N, C-alpha and C. Protein backbone atom coordinates (compact mmCIF):
# COMPACT_ATOMS: atom_id res chain seq x y z
N MET A 1 90.45 98.51 106.51
CA MET A 1 90.77 99.69 107.39
C MET A 1 89.17 100.50 106.93
N ASN A 2 88.23 101.35 107.49
CA ASN A 2 86.52 101.16 107.29
C ASN A 2 86.93 103.57 108.06
N GLY A 3 88.17 103.33 107.76
CA GLY A 3 88.66 105.14 107.53
C GLY A 3 87.77 105.25 108.18
N VAL A 4 86.65 105.93 109.81
CA VAL A 4 87.11 106.14 110.54
C VAL A 4 87.68 106.17 112.21
N PHE A 5 87.93 105.05 112.09
CA PHE A 5 87.79 103.79 113.66
C PHE A 5 89.09 103.02 113.12
N PRO A 6 90.29 102.87 113.65
CA PRO A 6 91.42 102.23 113.55
C PRO A 6 91.43 100.48 113.23
N PRO A 7 91.74 99.69 112.99
CA PRO A 7 91.08 98.60 112.58
C PRO A 7 91.12 97.54 114.06
N THR A 8 90.35 96.46 114.33
CA THR A 8 90.00 95.90 115.86
C THR A 8 91.63 94.31 115.73
N PRO A 9 92.38 94.56 116.73
CA PRO A 9 93.15 93.65 116.70
C PRO A 9 93.04 92.12 115.73
N ALA A 10 91.49 91.92 115.95
CA ALA A 10 90.66 90.61 115.40
C ALA A 10 91.14 91.34 113.44
N GLN A 11 90.94 92.45 112.98
CA GLN A 11 90.93 92.63 111.02
C GLN A 11 92.07 93.37 111.48
N GLU A 12 93.67 93.44 111.99
CA GLU A 12 94.51 93.85 111.56
C GLU A 12 95.11 91.72 111.81
N VAL A 13 95.09 91.30 111.89
CA VAL A 13 95.45 89.51 112.49
C VAL A 13 94.66 88.98 111.18
N GLU A 14 93.36 89.41 110.48
CA GLU A 14 92.62 89.19 109.42
C GLU A 14 93.91 89.43 108.25
N SER A 15 94.07 90.49 107.89
CA SER A 15 95.03 91.44 107.63
C SER A 15 95.96 91.02 106.76
N ILE A 16 96.67 90.37 107.84
CA ILE A 16 98.06 90.17 107.56
C ILE A 16 97.77 88.66 107.09
N ARG A 17 96.45 87.73 108.20
CA ARG A 17 96.90 86.77 106.94
C ARG A 17 96.46 86.32 105.80
N VAL A 18 95.70 87.01 105.17
CA VAL A 18 95.46 87.82 103.83
C VAL A 18 96.69 87.74 103.48
N ARG A 19 96.91 89.00 103.09
CA ARG A 19 98.93 89.16 102.68
C ARG A 19 99.50 88.66 102.91
N LEU A 20 99.95 87.26 103.84
CA LEU A 20 100.60 85.88 103.90
C LEU A 20 100.46 85.42 102.92
N ALA A 21 98.38 85.28 102.58
CA ALA A 21 98.70 83.93 101.79
C ALA A 21 98.55 84.64 100.29
N GLU A 22 99.36 85.75 100.24
CA GLU A 22 98.86 86.35 98.85
C GLU A 22 99.84 85.91 98.18
N CYS A 23 101.34 85.55 99.18
CA CYS A 23 102.91 85.84 99.14
C CYS A 23 103.05 84.28 98.59
N GLY A 24 101.94 83.13 99.73
CA GLY A 24 102.06 81.94 99.61
C GLY A 24 102.87 81.62 99.99
N VAL A 25 102.86 81.79 101.43
CA VAL A 25 103.29 81.00 102.47
C VAL A 25 101.59 80.10 103.08
N ALA A 26 102.23 79.17 103.85
CA ALA A 26 101.17 77.65 104.00
C ALA A 26 100.01 78.21 104.96
N PRO A 27 99.04 78.37 104.87
CA PRO A 27 97.97 78.21 106.19
C PRO A 27 98.67 77.51 107.90
N ASP A 28 99.27 76.36 107.54
CA ASP A 28 99.54 76.21 108.52
C ASP A 28 101.35 77.00 109.23
N GLN A 29 102.14 77.89 108.35
CA GLN A 29 103.39 78.95 108.61
C GLN A 29 102.58 80.09 108.60
N ILE A 30 101.40 80.58 108.43
CA ILE A 30 101.31 81.58 108.78
C ILE A 30 100.64 81.76 110.06
N ALA A 31 99.65 80.29 110.95
CA ALA A 31 99.52 80.08 112.21
C ALA A 31 100.33 79.97 113.22
N LYS A 32 101.45 80.00 112.05
CA LYS A 32 102.56 80.20 113.05
C LYS A 32 103.30 81.14 113.33
N LEU A 33 103.40 81.90 112.22
CA LEU A 33 103.94 83.11 111.95
C LEU A 33 102.95 84.08 113.47
N VAL A 34 101.90 84.30 113.36
CA VAL A 34 101.03 85.09 113.91
C VAL A 34 100.86 84.88 115.12
N SER A 35 101.11 83.75 115.83
CA SER A 35 101.22 83.80 117.10
C SER A 35 102.80 83.54 118.03
N GLU A 36 103.44 84.21 116.61
CA GLU A 36 104.94 83.58 117.42
C GLU A 36 105.42 85.16 117.13
N ARG A 37 105.12 85.80 116.69
CA ARG A 37 105.84 86.62 116.44
C ARG A 37 104.55 88.42 116.53
N PRO A 38 105.67 89.62 116.71
CA PRO A 38 104.47 91.01 116.70
C PRO A 38 104.19 91.12 115.75
N LEU A 39 103.54 91.93 115.35
CA LEU A 39 102.68 91.91 113.98
C LEU A 39 103.19 93.26 113.42
N GLU A 40 103.77 94.07 114.32
CA GLU A 40 104.35 94.92 113.85
C GLU A 40 105.91 95.16 112.98
N LEU A 41 106.60 93.58 113.76
CA LEU A 41 107.19 93.00 112.67
C LEU A 41 106.85 92.23 111.20
N ILE A 42 105.23 91.67 111.16
CA ILE A 42 104.97 91.27 110.18
C ILE A 42 105.26 91.92 109.28
N ARG A 43 104.10 92.88 109.71
CA ARG A 43 103.79 94.18 108.58
C ARG A 43 105.05 94.97 108.22
N LYS A 44 105.66 94.83 108.92
CA LYS A 44 106.65 95.71 108.18
C LYS A 44 107.63 95.29 107.25
N GLN A 45 108.03 93.59 107.47
CA GLN A 45 107.96 93.12 106.12
C GLN A 45 107.37 92.34 105.40
N LEU A 46 106.18 92.45 105.26
CA LEU A 46 105.58 92.85 104.33
C LEU A 46 105.40 93.89 103.27
N ASP A 47 105.57 95.02 103.97
CA ASP A 47 106.10 96.40 103.51
C ASP A 47 106.80 96.42 102.54
N TRP A 48 108.08 96.23 102.78
CA TRP A 48 109.26 96.46 102.63
C TRP A 48 109.44 95.28 100.94
N LEU A 49 108.64 93.75 101.34
CA LEU A 49 108.98 92.46 100.56
C LEU A 49 109.21 92.90 98.82
N PRO A 50 108.01 94.09 98.64
CA PRO A 50 108.04 94.74 97.11
C PRO A 50 109.99 95.15 97.13
N TYR A 51 110.53 95.53 97.64
CA TYR A 51 111.98 96.50 97.03
C TYR A 51 113.04 94.70 97.14
N ARG A 52 112.62 93.92 97.64
CA ARG A 52 113.06 93.06 97.89
C ARG A 52 113.39 91.94 96.86
N ARG A 53 112.56 92.06 95.70
CA ARG A 53 112.93 91.87 94.79
C ARG A 53 112.71 89.91 94.52
N ALA A 54 112.28 89.49 95.34
CA ALA A 54 111.34 88.42 95.49
C ALA A 54 111.42 87.23 94.12
N LYS A 55 112.07 86.30 94.06
CA LYS A 55 112.23 85.11 93.40
C LYS A 55 110.77 83.64 93.66
N LYS A 56 111.24 83.42 95.33
CA LYS A 56 110.16 83.33 96.01
C LYS A 56 110.11 83.92 97.10
N PRO A 57 108.80 84.60 96.85
CA PRO A 57 108.42 85.45 98.00
C PRO A 57 107.60 84.91 99.58
N ALA A 58 107.30 83.39 99.50
CA ALA A 58 106.88 82.52 100.48
C ALA A 58 108.23 82.28 101.34
N ALA A 59 109.08 82.15 99.89
CA ALA A 59 109.98 81.74 101.28
C ALA A 59 110.60 82.41 101.96
N LEU A 60 111.16 83.84 101.15
CA LEU A 60 111.53 85.08 101.16
C LEU A 60 111.16 85.90 102.79
N ILE A 61 109.14 86.10 103.06
CA ILE A 61 109.12 87.09 103.93
C ILE A 61 108.96 85.96 104.64
N VAL A 62 109.31 84.47 105.25
CA VAL A 62 109.08 83.33 106.44
C VAL A 62 110.38 84.17 106.87
N ALA A 63 111.52 83.56 106.91
CA ALA A 63 112.83 84.21 106.97
C ALA A 63 112.73 85.36 107.08
N ALA A 64 112.46 86.31 106.49
CA ALA A 64 112.71 88.04 106.68
C ALA A 64 112.00 88.12 108.36
N ILE A 65 110.59 87.65 108.70
CA ILE A 65 109.64 87.79 109.65
C ILE A 65 111.06 86.44 110.56
N GLU A 66 110.93 85.89 110.52
CA GLU A 66 112.09 84.45 111.27
C GLU A 66 113.35 85.31 111.82
N ARG A 67 113.53 85.73 110.81
CA ARG A 67 115.17 86.94 111.33
C ARG A 67 115.35 88.21 111.87
N ASP A 68 113.86 88.37 111.82
CA ASP A 68 114.32 90.33 111.21
C ASP A 68 115.18 90.83 110.38
N PHE A 69 115.05 90.86 108.88
CA PHE A 69 116.19 91.56 107.67
C PHE A 69 116.23 92.63 108.39
N GLU A 70 117.19 93.49 108.36
CA GLU A 70 116.76 95.23 107.81
C GLU A 70 116.27 95.59 107.06
N ALA A 71 115.41 96.74 106.50
CA ALA A 71 115.25 96.85 105.11
C ALA A 71 116.22 97.21 104.23
N PRO A 72 115.67 97.32 103.26
CA PRO A 72 115.84 97.11 102.07
C PRO A 72 117.59 98.38 101.47
N ALA A 73 118.52 97.80 101.07
CA ALA A 73 119.50 98.94 101.10
C ALA A 73 118.53 100.22 100.17
N GLU A 74 118.09 99.66 99.18
CA GLU A 74 116.67 101.24 98.59
C GLU A 74 116.39 102.27 99.19
N LEU A 75 115.60 101.81 100.21
CA LEU A 75 115.31 101.80 101.92
C LEU A 75 115.72 103.07 102.92
N MET A 76 117.60 102.66 102.98
CA MET A 76 118.50 103.65 103.78
C MET A 76 119.19 104.71 103.12
N ASP A 77 119.12 105.02 103.96
CA ASP A 77 119.91 106.88 103.51
C ASP A 77 121.81 106.03 104.01
N GLY A 78 122.30 106.00 102.13
CA GLY A 78 123.74 105.17 102.32
C GLY A 78 124.42 106.38 103.23
N SER A 79 124.55 107.61 103.30
CA SER A 79 124.92 108.54 104.13
C SER A 79 125.05 107.73 106.35
N SER A 80 124.52 108.16 106.20
CA SER A 80 124.07 107.07 107.85
C SER A 80 123.58 106.13 107.92
N GLY A 81 122.90 105.06 107.04
CA GLY A 81 122.24 103.84 107.20
C GLY A 81 121.26 103.91 107.84
N SER A 82 120.66 105.11 107.53
CA SER A 82 118.96 105.55 108.81
C SER A 82 118.80 104.77 107.57
N SER A 83 117.65 104.67 108.16
CA SER A 83 115.82 103.96 107.25
C SER A 83 115.17 105.82 107.33
N LEU A 84 115.07 105.43 105.37
CA LEU A 84 114.04 106.10 105.32
C LEU A 84 112.15 106.14 104.68
N ILE A 85 112.23 104.65 105.56
CA ILE A 85 110.79 104.86 105.21
C ILE A 85 109.64 105.69 106.04
N GLY A 86 110.00 106.12 107.09
CA GLY A 86 109.56 107.19 107.49
C GLY A 86 109.54 108.21 106.67
N SER A 87 110.44 108.50 104.96
CA SER A 87 109.86 109.15 104.42
C SER A 87 109.34 109.24 103.43
N LEU A 88 108.47 108.29 103.14
CA LEU A 88 107.98 107.77 101.96
C LEU A 88 106.69 107.64 101.60
């Protein structure tokens, strides 16, 4: 992001592609994910990945995106089950 204007859709897709590649996701899998899944879902799962303590980040992030995993437990309010993500 350039600090003044929000990223263009192309910049957003490229940013997500880079983040997925950094997790070790294969290029063909990245192409499939960004073409078949909403970018917001992918971004959300990428943001949550550090809280999942993945031994195999590529496999976990693909599964999390494909199955729309819930937020990690430590990001959930134990009393109501609601997400604390907005308060981070």
